[in-house]
Amino acid sequence: MTTHRIAVIAGDGIGKETTPEGVRVLDAAARKFGIDLKFDLAPVSRTPL
């Protein structure tokens, strides 16, 4: 099975509390449909302009 890697930037313009919930949704969908996802937390977090 192919593993799909997704870079995650916490709070990239949407708020730091939103990003973990989005990852949870993607993880649940991946499990339901048999997709292998790996989330890589990017060590960068910026304030939106």
PDB file of N, CA and C in Angstrom:
ATOM      1  N   MET A   1       0.839  -1.169   0.000  1.00  0.00           N
ATOM      2  CA  MET A   1       0.000   0.000   0.000  1.00  0.00           C
ATOM      3  C   MET A   1       0.894   1.245   0.000  1.00  0.00           C
ATOM      4  N   THR A   2       0.519   2.228  -0.776  1.00  0.00           N
ATOM      5  CA  THR A   2       1.247   3.488  -0.837  1.00  0.00           C
ATOM      6  C   THR A   2       0.892   4.360   0.356  1.00  0.00           C
ATOM      7  N   THR A   3       1.896   4.960   0.964  1.00  0.00           N
ATOM      8  CA  THR A   3       1.668   5.902   2.054  1.00  0.00           C
ATOM      9  C   THR A   3       1.710   7.313   1.491  1.00  0.00           C
ATOM     10  N   HIS A   4       0.676   8.072   1.769  1.00  0.00           N
ATOM     11  CA  HIS A   4       0.605   9.462   1.340  1.00  0.00           C
ATOM     12  C   HIS A   4       1.026  10.334   2.517  1.00  0.00           C
ATOM     13  N   ARG A   5       2.029  11.168   2.299  1.00  0.00           N
ATOM     14  CA  ARG A   5       2.535  12.036   3.367  1.00  0.00           C
ATOM     15  C   ARG A   5       1.956  13.433   3.187  1.00  0.00           C
ATOM     16  N   ILE A   6       1.478  13.985   4.287  1.00  0.00           N
ATOM     17  CA  ILE A   6       0.878  15.315   4.272  1.00  0.00           C
ATOM     18  C   ILE A   6       1.620  16.192   5.274  1.00  0.00           C
ATOM     19  N   ALA A   7       2.119  17.332   4.803  1.00  0.00           N
ATOM     20  CA  ALA A   7       2.764  18.292   5.698  1.00  0.00           C
ATOM     21  C   ALA A   7       1.672  19.113   6.373  1.00  0.00           C
ATOM     22  N   VAL A   8       1.766  19.232   7.674  1.00  0.00           N
ATOM     23  CA  VAL A   8       0.771  19.972   8.452  1.00  0.00           C
ATOM     24  C   VAL A   8       1.459  21.173   9.087  1.00  0.00           C
ATOM     25  N   ILE A   9       0.902  22.355   8.830  1.00  0.00           N
ATOM     26  CA  ILE A   9       1.415  23.580   9.442  1.00  0.00           C
ATOM     27  C   ILE A   9       0.334  24.070  10.393  1.00  0.00           C
ATOM     28  N   ALA A  10       0.571  23.893  11.671  1.00  0.00           N
ATOM     29  CA  ALA A  10      -0.430  24.246  12.681  1.00  0.00           C
ATOM     30  C   ALA A  10      -0.715  25.739  12.670  1.00  0.00           C
ATOM     31  N   GLY A  11      -2.000  26.072  12.583  1.00  0.00           N
ATOM     32  CA  GLY A  11      -2.418  27.457  12.679  1.00  0.00           C
ATOM     33  C   GLY A  11      -2.047  28.316  11.483  1.00  0.00           C
ATOM     34  N   ASP A  12      -1.912  27.736  10.314  1.00  0.00           N
ATOM     35  CA  ASP A  12      -1.533  28.505   9.132  1.00  0.00           C
ATOM     36  C   ASP A  12      -2.706  29.369   8.670  1.00  0.00           C
ATOM     37  N   GLY A  13      -2.994  30.411   9.438  1.00  0.00           N
ATOM     38  CA  GLY A  13      -4.057  31.345   9.080  1.00  0.00           C
ATOM     39  C   GLY A  13      -5.443  30.948   9.543  1.00  0.00           C
ATOM     40  N   ILE A  14      -5.589  29.799  10.219  1.00  0.00           N
ATOM     41  CA  ILE A  14      -6.922  29.363  10.627  1.00  0.00           C
ATOM     42  C   ILE A  14      -7.061  29.149  12.121  1.00  0.00           C
ATOM     43  N   GLY A  15      -6.000  29.279  12.858  1.00  0.00           N
ATOM     44  CA  GLY A  15      -6.069  29.060  14.303  1.00  0.00           C
ATOM     45  C   GLY A  15      -5.475  27.719  14.680  1.00  0.00           C
ATOM     46  N   LYS A  16      -4.672  27.736  15.728  1.00  0.00           N
ATOM     47  CA  LYS A  16      -3.956  26.518  16.132  1.00  0.00           C
ATOM     48  C   LYS A  16      -4.879  25.417  16.625  1.00  0.00           C
ATOM     49  N   GLU A  17      -6.067  25.749  17.096  1.00  0.00           N
ATOM     50  CA  GLU A  17      -6.981  24.722  17.590  1.00  0.00           C
ATOM     51  C   GLU A  17      -7.725  24.020  16.453  1.00  0.00           C
ATOM     52  N   THR A  18      -7.731  24.590  15.262  1.00  0.00           N
ATOM     53  CA  THR A  18      -8.453  24.020  14.128  1.00  0.00           C
ATOM     54  C   THR A  18      -7.663  22.917  13.438  1.00  0.00           C
ATOM     55  N   THR A  19      -6.368  23.079  13.327  1.00  0.00           N
ATOM     56  CA  THR A  19      -5.533  22.138  12.589  1.00  0.00           C
ATOM     57  C   THR A  19      -5.599  20.707  13.131  1.00  0.00           C
ATOM     58  N   PRO A  20      -5.482  20.480  14.448  1.00  0.00           N
ATOM     59  CA  PRO A  20      -5.561  19.098  14.942  1.00  0.00           C
ATOM     60  C   PRO A  20      -6.906  18.428  14.634  1.00  0.00           C
ATOM     61  N   GLU A  21      -7.977  19.203  14.630  1.00  0.00           N
ATOM     62  CA  GLU A  21      -9.289  18.629  14.312  1.00  0.00           C
ATOM     63  C   GLU A  21      -9.363  18.232  12.842  1.00  0.00           C
ATOM     64  N   GLY A  22      -8.757  19.029  11.981  1.00  0.00           N
ATOM     65  CA  GLY A  22      -8.704  18.677  10.564  1.00  0.00           C
ATOM     66  C   GLY A  22      -7.922  17.396  10.330  1.00  0.00           C
ATOM     67  N   VAL A  23      -6.828  17.234  11.056  1.00  0.00           N
ATOM     68  CA  VAL A  23      -6.029  16.008  10.958  1.00  0.00           C
ATOM     69  C   VAL A  23      -6.854  14.812  11.430  1.00  0.00           C
ATOM     70  N   ARG A  24      -7.620  14.991  12.495  1.00  0.00           N
ATOM     71  CA  ARG A  24      -8.470  13.895  12.990  1.00  0.00           C
ATOM     72  C   ARG A  24      -9.501  13.480  11.948  1.00  0.00           C
ATOM     73  N   VAL A  25     -10.092  14.449  11.262  1.00  0.00           N
ATOM     74  CA  VAL A  25     -11.084  14.153  10.223  1.00  0.00           C
ATOM     75  C   VAL A  25     -10.432  13.398   9.067  1.00  0.00           C
ATOM     76  N   LEU A  26      -9.276  13.882   8.608  1.00  0.00           N
ATOM     77  CA  LEU A  26      -8.578  13.201   7.518  1.00  0.00           C
ATOM     78  C   LEU A  26      -8.169  11.788   7.909  1.00  0.00           C
ATOM     79  N   ASP A  27      -7.713  11.613   9.143  1.00  0.00           N
ATOM     80  CA  ASP A  27      -7.308  10.295   9.621  1.00  0.00           C
ATOM     81  C   ASP A  27      -8.502   9.338   9.657  1.00  0.00           C
ATOM     82  N   ALA A  28      -9.641   9.819  10.126  1.00  0.00           N
ATOM     83  CA  ALA A  28     -10.843   8.975  10.179  1.00  0.00           C
ATOM     84  C   ALA A  28     -11.291   8.579   8.774  1.00  0.00           C
ATOM     85  N   ALA A  29     -11.275   9.523   7.842  1.00  0.00           N
ATOM     86  CA  ALA A  29     -11.664   9.219   6.461  1.00  0.00           C
ATOM     87  C   ALA A  29     -10.684   8.230   5.830  1.00  0.00           C
ATOM     88  N   ALA A  30      -9.401   8.402   6.101  1.00  0.00           N
ATOM     89  CA  ALA A  30      -8.389   7.496   5.550  1.00  0.00           C
ATOM     90  C   ALA A  30      -8.604   6.076   6.051  1.00  0.00           C
ATOM     91  N   ARG A  31      -8.887   5.938   7.349  1.00  0.00           N
ATOM     92  CA  ARG A  31      -9.135   4.600   7.904  1.00  0.00           C
ATOM     93  C   ARG A  31     -10.380   3.977   7.278  1.00  0.00           C
ATOM     94  N   LYS A  32     -11.430   4.771   7.112  1.00  0.00           N
ATOM     95  CA  LYS A  32     -12.685   4.255   6.547  1.00  0.00           C
ATOM     96  C   LYS A  32     -12.488   3.734   5.119  1.00  0.00           C
ATOM     97  N   PHE A  33     -11.664   4.429   4.332  1.00  0.00           N
ATOM     98  CA  PHE A  33     -11.493   4.070   2.933  1.00  0.00           C
ATOM     99  C   PHE A  33     -10.195   3.314   2.646  1.00  0.00           C
ATOM    100  N   GLY A  34      -9.479   2.914   3.701  1.00  0.00           N
ATOM    101  CA  GLY A  34      -8.276   2.104   3.524  1.00  0.00           C
ATOM    102  C   GLY A  34      -7.110   2.842   2.889  1.00  0.00           C
ATOM    103  N   ILE A  35      -6.981   4.115   3.194  1.00  0.00           N
ATOM    104  CA  ILE A  35      -5.883   4.923   2.664  1.00  0.00           C
ATOM    105  C   ILE A  35      -4.852   5.114   3.768  1.00  0.00           C
ATOM    106  N   ASP A  36      -3.582   4.952   3.425  1.00  0.00           N
ATOM    107  CA  ASP A  36      -2.514   5.103   4.411  1.00  0.00           C
ATOM    108  C   ASP A  36      -1.964   6.526   4.348  1.00  0.00           C
ATOM    109  N   LEU A  37      -2.229   7.311   5.392  1.00  0.00           N
ATOM    110  CA  LEU A  37      -1.740   8.684   5.473  1.00  0.00           C
ATOM    111  C   LEU A  37      -0.724   8.807   6.592  1.00  0.00           C
ATOM    112  N   LYS A  38       0.282   9.641   6.368  1.00  0.00           N
ATOM    113  CA  LYS A  38       1.254   9.980   7.409  1.00  0.00           C
ATOM    114  C   LYS A  38       1.312  11.497   7.463  1.00  0.00           C
ATOM    115  N   PHE A  39       1.116  12.036   8.650  1.00  0.00           N
ATOM    116  CA  PHE A  39       1.116  13.479   8.837  1.00  0.00           C
ATOM    117  C   PHE A  39       2.459  13.918   9.404  1.00  0.00           C
ATOM    118  N   ASP A  40       3.093  14.859   8.717  1.00  0.00           N
ATOM    119  CA  ASP A  40       4.366  15.415   9.169  1.00  0.00           C
ATOM    120  C   ASP A  40       4.112  16.834   9.650  1.00  0.00           C
ATOM    121  N   LEU A  41       4.302  17.064  10.946  1.00  0.00           N
ATOM    122  CA  LEU A  41       4.104  18.389  11.508  1.00  0.00           C
ATOM    123  C   LEU A  41       5.285  19.274  11.134  1.00  0.00           C
ATOM    124  N   ALA A  42       5.011  20.302  10.353  1.00  0.00           N
ATOM    125  CA  ALA A  42       6.062  21.233   9.940  1.00  0.00           C
ATOM    126  C   ALA A  42       6.406  22.140  11.118  1.00  0.00           C
ATOM    127  N   PRO A  43       7.679  22.366  11.351  1.00  0.00           N
ATOM    128  CA  PRO A  43       8.098  23.169  12.504  1.00  0.00           C
ATOM    129  C   PRO A  43       7.968  24.669  12.269  1.00  0.00           C
ATOM    130  N   VAL A  44       7.075  25.071  11.367  1.00  0.00           N
ATOM    131  CA  VAL A  44       6.895  26.480  11.035  1.00  0.00           C
ATOM    132  C   VAL A  44       5.468  26.875  11.371  1.00  0.00           C
ATOM    133  N   SER A  45       5.329  27.991  12.006  1.00  0.00           N
ATOM    134  CA  SER A  45       4.002  28.529  12.280  1.00  0.00           C
ATOM    135  C   SER A  45       4.106  30.037  12.177  1.00  0.00           C
ATOM    136  N   ARG A  46       3.278  30.606  11.307  1.00  0.00           N
ATOM    137  CA  ARG A  46       3.356  32.041  11.080  1.00  0.00           C
ATOM    138  C   ARG A  46       2.014  32.693  11.349  1.00  0.00           C
ATOM    139  N   THR A  47       2.056  33.961  11.603  1.00  0.00           N
ATOM    140  CA  THR A  47       0.844  34.742  11.786  1.00  0.00           C
ATOM    141  C   THR A  47       0.365  35.196  10.414  1.00  0.00           C
ATOM    142  N   PRO A  48      -0.941  35.083  10.146  1.00  0.00           N
ATOM    143  CA  PRO A  48      -1.441  35.521   8.843  1.00  0.00           C
ATOM    144  C   PRO A  48      -1.233  37.021   8.653  1.00  0.00           C
ATOM    145  N   LEU A  49      -1.077  37.416   7.413  1.00  0.00           N
ATOM    146  CA  LEU A  49      -0.874  38.841   7.102  1.00  0.00           C
ATOM    147  C   LEU A  49      -2.177  39.590   7.113  1.00  0.00           C
TER     148      LEU A  49
END
